[in-house]
Amino acid sequence: MNQSISVKRKYYGMLLKTLMLLSAGLVALLVVMLIAYVLLKGIPNITWQFLSTKPGYISKNIGILPDILNTVYIILATLLVVLPLGVGAAVYLTEYASNKRVVNLIEYAAETLSGIPSIIYGLVGMLLFSNSFGTCLMAGALTLVIMNLPTVMRTTQESLKTVPLSYREGAFGLGAGKWRVIRTVVLPGCVDGVITGCILSVGRIIGESAALLFTAGFAHAVNGVLDGLASPGATLTVALYVYAKEQGEFGVAFAIAAILMVLAVLINLSATGVQKRFEKRRSL
């Protein structure tokens, strides 16, 4: 009896292992096929002229330099606002807040915000920021601040919780104040989480289009940083939508998609590299 049960368990385990391997292989195959399809369709359309010029309405030349610059501007503007807010909120909730009910309520609200569809953020950003500043990159950046604030706050919180309590107690025992302990002991010990949250936010900013359609506009003009933030502009994802949906330029759309895919891979590799580097430093 026991032998038959063990045989059944053995075959049951083999069946589950086979199903897991098939599932993993199917997912990997889909990812590889998607990446290969986009790259094969997009890379032949990428040229230096394509990357370094702006669209010409007379010569019908297509270039994405304005879209690249707008993407860089909106990343910088979003990070400049969301990092102090997210890190500051995480530090307060983890190190200063004493009312656990309020902390739990704020954490629940942050998790809820993470699950809201981006199109809703776009509508809210249009009503709040576009009506105040006009349709411009700054309105889009402020909308993305609201979208990425929960990510930065939660990743920083989890990193703060990983800093051993003994580090804080040792610093307090040496006579350091609360803020000095946070600034010199706690934050340096969780800087990997802050950087990881920053990199993940960059990835979401680069890949966002729905919210920016309502707030940032569609313009393809080359501007400086300040002028660009005060003017309408299309990021790479918005430009991909415009070229594919509005103009039917699928070759250009696949070229932009290939660029975005390469950027996404680089961002993920950067996040993994940063995490491994700090884990190695901690183990030394």
C-alpha atoms as a PDB file:
ATOM      1  CA  MET A   1       0.000   0.000   0.000  1.00  0.00           C
ATOM      2  CA  ASN A   2       2.723   2.437   0.988  1.00  0.00           C
ATOM      3  CA  GLN A   3       4.709   1.479  -2.110  1.00  0.00           C
ATOM      4  CA  SER A   4       1.760   2.229  -4.424  1.00  0.00           C
ATOM      5  CA  ILE A   5       1.249   5.602  -2.734  1.00  0.00           C
ATOM      6  CA  SER A   6       4.922   6.473  -3.164  1.00  0.00           C
ATOM      7  CA  VAL A   7       4.751   5.494  -6.857  1.00  0.00           C
ATOM      8  CA  LYS A   8       1.692   7.706  -7.358  1.00  0.00           C
ATOM      9  CA  ARG A   9       3.444  10.593  -5.631  1.00  0.00           C
ATOM     10  CA  LYS A  10       6.477  10.060  -7.842  1.00  0.00           C
ATOM     11  CA  TYR A  11       4.447  10.176 -11.060  1.00  0.00           C
ATOM     12  CA  TYR A  12       2.415  13.100  -9.717  1.00  0.00           C
ATOM     13  CA  GLY A  13       5.619  15.004  -9.001  1.00  0.00           C
ATOM     14  CA  MET A  14       6.985  14.202 -12.454  1.00  0.00           C
ATOM     15  CA  LEU A  15       3.741  15.404 -14.054  1.00  0.00           C
ATOM     16  CA  LEU A  16       3.815  18.694 -12.151  1.00  0.00           C
ATOM     17  CA  LYS A  17       7.492  19.204 -12.997  1.00  0.00           C
ATOM     18  CA  THR A  18       6.767  18.589 -16.680  1.00  0.00           C
ATOM     19  CA  LEU A  19       3.864  21.039 -16.646  1.00  0.00           C
ATOM     20  CA  MET A  20       6.026  23.707 -14.972  1.00  0.00           C
ATOM     21  CA  LEU A  21       8.812  23.195 -17.504  1.00  0.00           C
ATOM     22  CA  LEU A  22       6.329  23.458 -20.363  1.00  0.00           C
ATOM     23  CA  SER A  23       4.843  26.634 -18.901  1.00  0.00           C
ATOM     24  CA  ALA A  24       8.259  28.208 -18.406  1.00  0.00           C
ATOM     25  CA  GLY A  25       9.325  27.199 -21.911  1.00  0.00           C
ATOM     26  CA  LEU A  26       6.142  28.619 -23.427  1.00  0.00           C
ATOM     27  CA  VAL A  27       6.590  31.944 -21.645  1.00  0.00           C
ATOM     28  CA  ALA A  28      10.252  32.142 -22.688  1.00  0.00           C
ATOM     29  CA  LEU A  29       9.331  31.265 -26.279  1.00  0.00           C
ATOM     30  CA  LEU A  30       6.653  33.982 -26.417  1.00  0.00           C
ATOM     31  CA  VAL A  31       9.077  36.583 -25.048  1.00  0.00           C
ATOM     32  CA  VAL A  32      11.836  35.613 -27.490  1.00  0.00           C
ATOM     33  CA  MET A  33       9.419  35.586 -30.426  1.00  0.00           C
ATOM     34  CA  LEU A  34       8.032  39.000 -29.485  1.00  0.00           C
ATOM     35  CA  ILE A  35      11.486  40.547 -29.096  1.00  0.00           C
ATOM     36  CA  ALA A  36      12.747  38.971 -32.312  1.00  0.00           C
ATOM     37  CA  TYR A  37       9.677  40.062 -34.292  1.00  0.00           C
ATOM     38  CA  VAL A  38       9.900  43.677 -33.138  1.00  0.00           C
ATOM     39  CA  LEU A  39      13.662  43.887 -33.666  1.00  0.00           C
ATOM     40  CA  LEU A  40      13.508  42.311 -37.133  1.00  0.00           C
ATOM     41  CA  LYS A  41      10.782  44.714 -38.158  1.00  0.00           C
ATOM     42  CA  GLY A  42      12.295  47.786 -36.519  1.00  0.00           C
ATOM     43  CA  ILE A  43      16.089  47.659 -36.818  1.00  0.00           C
ATOM     44  CA  PRO A  44      16.195  47.949 -40.653  1.00  0.00           C
ATOM     45  CA  ASN A  45      14.335  51.283 -40.355  1.00  0.00           C
ATOM     46  CA  ILE A  46      16.741  52.803 -37.816  1.00  0.00           C
ATOM     47  CA  THR A  47      19.301  55.155 -39.349  1.00  0.00           C
ATOM     48  CA  TRP A  48      21.397  58.025 -38.049  1.00  0.00           C
ATOM     49  CA  GLN A  49      19.197  60.479 -39.936  1.00  0.00           C
ATOM     50  CA  PHE A  50      16.149  58.911 -38.318  1.00  0.00           C
ATOM     51  CA  LEU A  51      17.634  59.420 -34.842  1.00  0.00           C
ATOM     52  CA  SER A  52      19.180  62.878 -35.325  1.00  0.00           C
ATOM     53  CA  THR A  53      16.579  64.877 -37.265  1.00  0.00           C
ATOM     54  CA  LYS A  54      13.068  66.178 -36.751  1.00  0.00           C
ATOM     55  CA  PRO A  55      10.079  65.542 -39.015  1.00  0.00           C
ATOM     56  CA  GLY A  56      10.060  67.686 -42.143  1.00  0.00           C
ATOM     57  CA  TYR A  57       6.618  68.691 -43.306  1.00  0.00           C
ATOM     58  CA  ILE A  58       7.897  69.824 -46.697  1.00  0.00           C
ATOM     59  CA  SER A  59      10.420  67.089 -47.452  1.00  0.00           C
ATOM     60  CA  LYS A  60       8.304  64.431 -45.678  1.00  0.00           C
ATOM     61  CA  ASN A  61      11.398  63.411 -43.739  1.00  0.00           C
ATOM     62  CA  ILE A  62      10.675  61.422 -40.581  1.00  0.00           C
ATOM     63  CA  GLY A  63      12.966  61.882 -37.592  1.00  0.00           C
ATOM     64  CA  ILE A  64      12.479  61.223 -33.897  1.00  0.00           C
ATOM     65  CA  LEU A  65      15.040  63.583 -32.332  1.00  0.00           C
ATOM     66  CA  PRO A  66      12.279  65.751 -30.765  1.00  0.00           C
ATOM     67  CA  ASP A  67      10.622  62.642 -29.327  1.00  0.00           C
ATOM     68  CA  ILE A  68      13.905  61.437 -27.812  1.00  0.00           C
ATOM     69  CA  LEU A  69      14.540  64.852 -26.238  1.00  0.00           C
ATOM     70  CA  ASN A  70      10.968  65.069 -24.927  1.00  0.00           C
ATOM     71  CA  THR A  71      11.362  61.637 -23.348  1.00  0.00           C
ATOM     72  CA  VAL A  72      14.575  62.735 -21.622  1.00  0.00           C
ATOM     73  CA  TYR A  73      12.986  65.986 -20.419  1.00  0.00           C
ATOM     74  CA  ILE A  74       9.929  64.270 -18.966  1.00  0.00           C
ATOM     75  CA  ILE A  75      12.094  61.639 -17.216  1.00  0.00           C
ATOM     76  CA  LEU A  76      14.233  64.330 -15.571  1.00  0.00           C
ATOM     77  CA  ALA A  77      11.251  66.448 -14.532  1.00  0.00           C
ATOM     78  CA  THR A  78       9.373  63.469 -13.092  1.00  0.00           C
ATOM     79  CA  LEU A  79      12.336  62.122 -11.120  1.00  0.00           C
ATOM     80  CA  LEU A  80      13.182  65.581  -9.806  1.00  0.00           C
ATOM     81  CA  VAL A  81       9.779  65.724  -8.116  1.00  0.00           C
ATOM     82  CA  VAL A  82       8.933  62.104  -7.340  1.00  0.00           C
ATOM     83  CA  LEU A  83      12.211  61.090  -5.683  1.00  0.00           C
ATOM     84  CA  PRO A  84      12.152  63.656  -2.829  1.00  0.00           C
ATOM     85  CA  LEU A  85       8.426  63.058  -2.279  1.00  0.00           C
ATOM     86  CA  GLY A  86       8.633  59.268  -2.395  1.00  0.00           C
ATOM     87  CA  VAL A  87      11.779  58.907  -0.300  1.00  0.00           C
ATOM     88  CA  GLY A  88      10.598  61.527   2.206  1.00  0.00           C
ATOM     89  CA  ALA A  89       7.215  59.830   2.601  1.00  0.00           C
ATOM     90  CA  ALA A  90       8.877  56.438   3.061  1.00  0.00           C
ATOM     91  CA  VAL A  91      11.270  57.781   5.690  1.00  0.00           C
ATOM     92  CA  TYR A  92       8.427  59.412   7.616  1.00  0.00           C
ATOM     93  CA  LEU A  93       6.191  56.344   7.529  1.00  0.00           C
ATOM     94  CA  THR A  94       9.000  53.977   8.518  1.00  0.00           C
ATOM     95  CA  GLU A  95      11.031  56.034  10.985  1.00  0.00           C
ATOM     96  CA  TYR A  96       8.779  58.741  12.431  1.00  0.00           C
ATOM     97  CA  ALA A  97       5.101  57.782  12.191  1.00  0.00           C
ATOM     98  CA  SER A  98       3.814  56.185  15.387  1.00  0.00           C
ATOM     99  CA  ASN A  99       0.131  55.719  14.506  1.00  0.00           C
ATOM    100  CA  LYS A 100       0.039  52.299  12.855  1.00  0.00           C
ATOM    101  CA  ARG A 101      -3.507  52.782  11.610  1.00  0.00           C
ATOM    102  CA  VAL A 102      -2.529  55.864   9.644  1.00  0.00           C
ATOM    103  CA  VAL A 103       0.542  54.097   8.258  1.00  0.00           C
ATOM    104  CA  ASN A 104      -1.543  51.104   7.174  1.00  0.00           C
ATOM    105  CA  LEU A 105      -4.108  53.407   5.596  1.00  0.00           C
ATOM    106  CA  ILE A 106      -1.465  55.283   3.592  1.00  0.00           C
ATOM    107  CA  GLU A 107       0.177  52.028   2.485  1.00  0.00           C
ATOM    108  CA  TYR A 108      -3.197  50.674   1.385  1.00  0.00           C
ATOM    109  CA  ALA A 109      -3.865  53.885  -0.545  1.00  0.00           C
ATOM    110  CA  ALA A 110      -0.457  53.616  -2.237  1.00  0.00           C
ATOM    111  CA  GLU A 111      -1.120  50.021  -3.269  1.00  0.00           C
ATOM    112  CA  THR A 112      -4.526  51.058  -4.607  1.00  0.00           C
ATOM    113  CA  LEU A 113      -2.954  53.852  -6.641  1.00  0.00           C
ATOM    114  CA  SER A 114      -0.542  51.327  -8.163  1.00  0.00           C
ATOM    115  CA  GLY A 115      -3.448  49.356  -9.596  1.00  0.00           C
ATOM    116  CA  ILE A 116      -5.388  52.240 -11.147  1.00  0.00           C
ATOM    117  CA  PRO A 117      -5.356  52.228 -14.991  1.00  0.00           C
ATOM    118  CA  SER A 118      -3.111  54.887 -16.470  1.00  0.00           C
ATOM    119  CA  ILE A 119      -5.921  56.332 -18.589  1.00  0.00           C
ATOM    120  CA  ILE A 120      -7.598  57.492 -15.371  1.00  0.00           C
ATOM    121  CA  TYR A 121      -4.383  59.255 -14.355  1.00  0.00           C
ATOM    122  CA  GLY A 122      -4.468  60.936 -17.756  1.00  0.00           C
ATOM    123  CA  LEU A 123      -7.996  62.236 -17.205  1.00  0.00           C
ATOM    124  CA  VAL A 124      -7.126  63.502 -13.718  1.00  0.00           C
ATOM    125  CA  GLY A 125      -3.911  65.089 -15.001  1.00  0.00           C
ATOM    126  CA  MET A 126      -5.817  66.803 -17.792  1.00  0.00           C
ATOM    127  CA  LEU A 127      -8.293  68.298 -15.331  1.00  0.00           C
ATOM    128  CA  LEU A 128      -5.718  69.281 -12.702  1.00  0.00           C
ATOM    129  CA  PHE A 129      -2.529  70.162 -14.581  1.00  0.00           C
ATOM    130  CA  SER A 130      -3.438  70.756 -18.223  1.00  0.00           C
ATOM    131  CA  ASN A 131      -6.172  73.196 -17.230  1.00  0.00           C
ATOM    132  CA  SER A 132      -3.663  74.998 -14.988  1.00  0.00           C
ATOM    133  CA  PHE A 133      -0.466  74.985 -17.094  1.00  0.00           C
ATOM    134  CA  GLY A 134      -1.841  74.102 -20.505  1.00  0.00           C
ATOM    135  CA  THR A 135      -1.036  71.015 -22.538  1.00  0.00           C
ATOM    136  CA  CYS A 136       2.716  70.635 -22.044  1.00  0.00           C
ATOM    137  CA  LEU A 137       5.421  68.222 -20.929  1.00  0.00           C
ATOM    138  CA  MET A 138       5.314  69.636 -17.396  1.00  0.00           C
ATOM    139  CA  ALA A 139       1.649  68.646 -17.071  1.00  0.00           C
ATOM    140  CA  GLY A 140       2.579  65.168 -18.257  1.00  0.00           C
ATOM    141  CA  ALA A 141       5.499  65.005 -15.825  1.00  0.00           C
ATOM    142  CA  LEU A 142       3.305  65.948 -12.855  1.00  0.00           C
ATOM    143  CA  THR A 143       0.806  63.290 -13.893  1.00  0.00           C
ATOM    144  CA  LEU A 144       3.610  60.728 -13.999  1.00  0.00           C
ATOM    145  CA  VAL A 145       4.723  61.879 -10.544  1.00  0.00           C
ATOM    146  CA  ILE A 146       1.369  60.760  -9.139  1.00  0.00           C
ATOM    147  CA  MET A 147       1.645  57.466 -11.017  1.00  0.00           C
ATOM    148  CA  ASN A 148       5.179  56.656  -9.860  1.00  0.00           C
ATOM    149  CA  LEU A 149       4.946  57.953  -6.293  1.00  0.00           C
ATOM    150  CA  PRO A 150       3.603  54.638  -4.891  1.00  0.00           C
ATOM    151  CA  THR A 151       6.425  52.684  -6.588  1.00  0.00           C
ATOM    152  CA  VAL A 152       9.194  54.865  -5.183  1.00  0.00           C
ATOM    153  CA  MET A 153       7.590  55.049  -1.744  1.00  0.00           C
ATOM    154  CA  ARG A 154       6.972  51.309  -1.378  1.00  0.00           C
ATOM    155  CA  THR A 155      10.382  50.215  -2.661  1.00  0.00           C
ATOM    156  CA  THR A 156      12.082  52.695  -0.327  1.00  0.00           C
ATOM    157  CA  GLN A 157       9.952  51.521   2.588  1.00  0.00           C
ATOM    158  CA  GLU A 158      10.866  47.890   2.047  1.00  0.00           C
ATOM    159  CA  SER A 159      14.544  48.835   1.804  1.00  0.00           C
ATOM    160  CA  LEU A 160      14.371  50.854   5.022  1.00  0.00           C
ATOM    161  CA  LYS A 161      12.892  47.842   6.809  1.00  0.00           C
ATOM    162  CA  THR A 162      15.861  45.699   5.762  1.00  0.00           C
ATOM    163  CA  VAL A 163      18.329  47.900   7.669  1.00  0.00           C
ATOM    164  CA  PRO A 164      19.021  46.039  10.950  1.00  0.00           C
ATOM    165  CA  LEU A 165      17.663  47.632  14.111  1.00  0.00           C
ATOM    166  CA  SER A 166      21.059  47.153  15.745  1.00  0.00           C
ATOM    167  CA  TYR A 167      22.531  49.783  13.394  1.00  0.00           C
ATOM    168  CA  ARG A 168      20.064  52.354  14.680  1.00  0.00           C
ATOM    169  CA  GLU A 169      20.585  51.353  18.303  1.00  0.00           C
ATOM    170  CA  GLY A 170      24.358  51.561  17.931  1.00  0.00           C
ATOM    171  CA  ALA A 171      24.129  55.058  16.448  1.00  0.00           C
ATOM    172  CA  PHE A 172      21.733  56.188  19.176  1.00  0.00           C
ATOM    173  CA  GLY A 173      24.104  54.742  21.768  1.00  0.00           C
ATOM    174  CA  LEU A 174      26.884  56.958  20.395  1.00  0.00           C
ATOM    175  CA  GLY A 175      24.704  60.015  20.982  1.00  0.00           C
ATOM    176  CA  ALA A 176      23.477  60.659  17.440  1.00  0.00           C
ATOM    177  CA  GLY A 177      20.101  62.286  16.945  1.00  0.00           C
ATOM    178  CA  LYS A 178      17.184  60.840  15.015  1.00  0.00           C
ATOM    179  CA  TRP A 179      17.807  62.682  11.752  1.00  0.00           C
ATOM    180  CA  ARG A 180      21.551  62.095  11.920  1.00  0.00           C
ATOM    181  CA  VAL A 181      20.971  58.360  12.329  1.00  0.00           C
ATOM    182  CA  ILE A 182      18.645  58.335   9.331  1.00  0.00           C
ATOM    183  CA  ARG A 183      20.972  60.439   7.197  1.00  0.00           C
ATOM    184  CA  THR A 184      24.261  58.692   8.019  1.00  0.00           C
ATOM    185  CA  VAL A 185      23.212  55.117   8.853  1.00  0.00           C
ATOM    186  CA  VAL A 186      19.757  54.184   7.579  1.00  0.00           C
ATOM    187  CA  LEU A 187      19.665  55.835   4.144  1.00  0.00           C
ATOM    188  CA  PRO A 188      23.171  54.669   3.109  1.00  0.00           C
ATOM    189  CA  GLY A 189      22.147  51.158   4.125  1.00  0.00           C
ATOM    190  CA  CYS A 190      19.101  51.153   1.838  1.00  0.00           C
ATOM    191  CA  VAL A 191      20.366  53.202  -1.087  1.00  0.00           C
ATOM    192  CA  ASP A 192      20.033  50.158  -3.353  1.00  0.00           C
ATOM    193  CA  GLY A 193      16.278  50.163  -2.854  1.00  0.00           C
ATOM    194  CA  VAL A 194      16.059  53.863  -3.663  1.00  0.00           C
ATOM    195  CA  ILE A 195      18.063  53.372  -6.852  1.00  0.00           C
ATOM    196  CA  THR A 196      15.987  50.338  -7.807  1.00  0.00           C
ATOM    197  CA  GLY A 197      12.770  52.313  -7.340  1.00  0.00           C
ATOM    198  CA  CYS A 198      14.236  55.109  -9.435  1.00  0.00           C
ATOM    199  CA  ILE A 199      15.159  52.731 -12.251  1.00  0.00           C
ATOM    200  CA  LEU A 200      11.729  51.074 -12.174  1.00  0.00           C
ATOM    201  CA  SER A 201      10.118  54.508 -12.332  1.00  0.00           C
ATOM    202  CA  VAL A 202      12.214  55.376 -15.383  1.00  0.00           C
ATOM    203  CA  GLY A 203      10.985  52.210 -17.049  1.00  0.00           C
ATOM    204  CA  ARG A 204       7.369  53.094 -16.377  1.00  0.00           C
ATOM    205  CA  ILE A 205       7.889  56.674 -17.549  1.00  0.00           C
ATOM    206  CA  ILE A 206       9.429  55.518 -20.823  1.00  0.00           C
ATOM    207  CA  GLY A 207       6.630  53.044 -21.460  1.00  0.00           C
ATOM    208  CA  GLU A 208       3.721  55.323 -20.573  1.00  0.00           C
ATOM    209  CA  SER A 209       1.499  56.694 -23.319  1.00  0.00           C
ATOM    210  CA  ALA A 210      -2.160  56.774 -22.225  1.00  0.00           C
ATOM    211  CA  ALA A 211      -1.676  59.401 -19.531  1.00  0.00           C
ATOM    212  CA  LEU A 212       0.535  61.553 -21.768  1.00  0.00           C
ATOM    213  CA  LEU A 213      -1.970  61.572 -24.620  1.00  0.00           C
ATOM    214  CA  PHE A 214      -4.247  63.734 -22.467  1.00  0.00           C
ATOM    215  CA  THR A 215      -1.609  65.953 -20.873  1.00  0.00           C
ATOM    216  CA  ALA A 216       1.604  66.343 -22.907  1.00  0.00           C
ATOM    217  CA  GLY A 217       0.339  66.626 -26.476  1.00  0.00           C
ATOM    218  CA  PHE A 218       1.655  65.436 -29.853  1.00  0.00           C
ATOM    219  CA  ALA A 219       4.108  68.135 -31.023  1.00  0.00           C
ATOM    220  CA  HIS A 220       7.405  67.161 -32.721  1.00  0.00           C
ATOM    221  CA  ALA A 221       9.475  70.297 -32.078  1.00  0.00           C
ATOM    222  CA  VAL A 222      13.077  70.559 -30.852  1.00  0.00           C
ATOM    223  CA  ASN A 223      13.278  72.750 -27.726  1.00  0.00           C
ATOM    224  CA  GLY A 224      15.594  73.330 -24.801  1.00  0.00           C
ATOM    225  CA  VAL A 225      14.820  71.888 -21.387  1.00  0.00           C
ATOM    226  CA  LEU A 226      12.801  74.815 -20.004  1.00  0.00           C
ATOM    227  CA  ASP A 227      11.075  75.636 -23.281  1.00  0.00           C
ATOM    228  CA  GLY A 228      10.417  71.955 -23.867  1.00  0.00           C
ATOM    229  CA  LEU A 229       8.753  71.458 -20.480  1.00  0.00           C
ATOM    230  CA  ALA A 230       6.530  74.489 -21.101  1.00  0.00           C
ATOM    231  CA  SER A 231       5.526  73.305 -24.592  1.00  0.00           C
ATOM    232  CA  PRO A 232       3.489  70.387 -25.947  1.00  0.00           C
ATOM    233  CA  GLY A 233       5.573  67.417 -27.003  1.00  0.00           C
ATOM    234  CA  ALA A 234       5.372  63.743 -27.908  1.00  0.00           C
ATOM    235  CA  THR A 235       7.500  61.167 -26.123  1.00  0.00           C
ATOM    236  CA  LEU A 236       8.669  58.020 -27.902  1.00  0.00           C
ATOM    237  CA  THR A 237       5.611  56.010 -26.880  1.00  0.00           C
ATOM    238  CA  VAL A 238       3.200  58.742 -27.923  1.00  0.00           C
ATOM    239  CA  ALA A 239       5.072  59.123 -31.215  1.00  0.00           C
ATOM    240  CA  LEU A 240       4.761  55.361 -31.767  1.00  0.00           C
ATOM    241  CA  TYR A 241       0.994  55.630 -31.313  1.00  0.00           C
ATOM    242  CA  VAL A 242       0.714  58.630 -33.635  1.00  0.00           C
ATOM    243  CA  TYR A 243       2.796  57.098 -36.430  1.00  0.00           C
ATOM    244  CA  ALA A 244       1.049  53.712 -36.228  1.00  0.00           C
ATOM    245  CA  LYS A 245      -2.550  54.759 -35.557  1.00  0.00           C
ATOM    246  CA  GLU A 246      -2.891  58.194 -37.106  1.00  0.00           C
ATOM    247  CA  GLN A 247      -0.414  58.146 -40.004  1.00  0.00           C
ATOM    248  CA  GLY A 248      -0.086  54.462 -40.841  1.00  0.00           C
ATOM    249  CA  GLU A 249       3.747  54.591 -40.779  1.00  0.00           C
ATOM    250  CA  PHE A 250       4.254  51.096 -39.408  1.00  0.00           C
ATOM    251  CA  GLY A 251       7.944  50.959 -40.332  1.00  0.00           C
ATOM    252  CA  VAL A 252       8.589  54.035 -38.185  1.00  0.00           C
ATOM    253  CA  ALA A 253       6.403  52.609 -35.421  1.00  0.00           C
ATOM    254  CA  PHE A 254       8.375  49.347 -35.372  1.00  0.00           C
ATOM    255  CA  ALA A 255      11.650  51.307 -35.317  1.00  0.00           C
ATOM    256  CA  ILE A 256      10.496  53.241 -32.261  1.00  0.00           C
ATOM    257  CA  ALA A 257       9.235  50.007 -30.695  1.00  0.00           C
ATOM    258  CA  ALA A 258      12.668  48.429 -31.193  1.00  0.00           C
ATOM    259  CA  ILE A 259      14.329  51.414 -29.501  1.00  0.00           C
ATOM    260  CA  LEU A 260      11.891  51.236 -26.584  1.00  0.00           C
ATOM    261  CA  MET A 261      12.442  47.492 -26.224  1.00  0.00           C
ATOM    262  CA  VAL A 262      16.216  47.939 -26.091  1.00  0.00           C
ATOM    263  CA  LEU A 263      15.770  50.688 -23.472  1.00  0.00           C
ATOM    264  CA  ALA A 264      13.499  48.429 -21.403  1.00  0.00           C
ATOM    265  CA  VAL A 265      16.059  45.625 -21.478  1.00  0.00           C
ATOM    266  CA  LEU A 266      18.839  48.031 -20.465  1.00  0.00           C
ATOM    267  CA  ILE A 267      16.744  49.381 -17.595  1.00  0.00           C
ATOM    268  CA  ASN A 268      16.005  45.884 -16.277  1.00  0.00           C
ATOM    269  CA  LEU A 269      19.667  44.912 -16.555  1.00  0.00           C
ATOM    270  CA  SER A 270      20.653  48.108 -14.746  1.00  0.00           C
ATOM    271  CA  ALA A 271      18.244  47.367 -11.891  1.00  0.00           C
ATOM    272  CA  THR A 272      19.568  43.815 -11.586  1.00  0.00           C
ATOM    273  CA  GLY A 273      23.179  45.001 -11.732  1.00  0.00           C
ATOM    274  CA  VAL A 274      22.650  47.640  -9.061  1.00  0.00           C
ATOM    275  CA  GLN A 275      20.970  45.133  -6.762  1.00  0.00           C
ATOM    276  CA  LYS A 276      23.751  42.566  -7.171  1.00  0.00           C
ATOM    277  CA  ARG A 277      26.441  45.188  -6.670  1.00  0.00           C
ATOM    278  CA  PHE A 278      25.020  46.384  -3.375  1.00  0.00           C
ATOM    279  CA  GLU A 279      24.385  42.831  -2.198  1.00  0.00           C
ATOM    280  CA  LYS A 280      28.050  42.074  -2.891  1.00  0.00           C
ATOM    281  CA  ARG A 281      29.134  45.166  -0.956  1.00  0.00           C
ATOM    282  CA  ARG A 282      26.999  44.141   1.998  1.00  0.00           C
ATOM    283  CA  SER A 283      28.446  40.633   2.047  1.00  0.00           C
ATOM    284  CA  LEU A 284      32.040  41.928   2.183  1.00  0.00           C
END
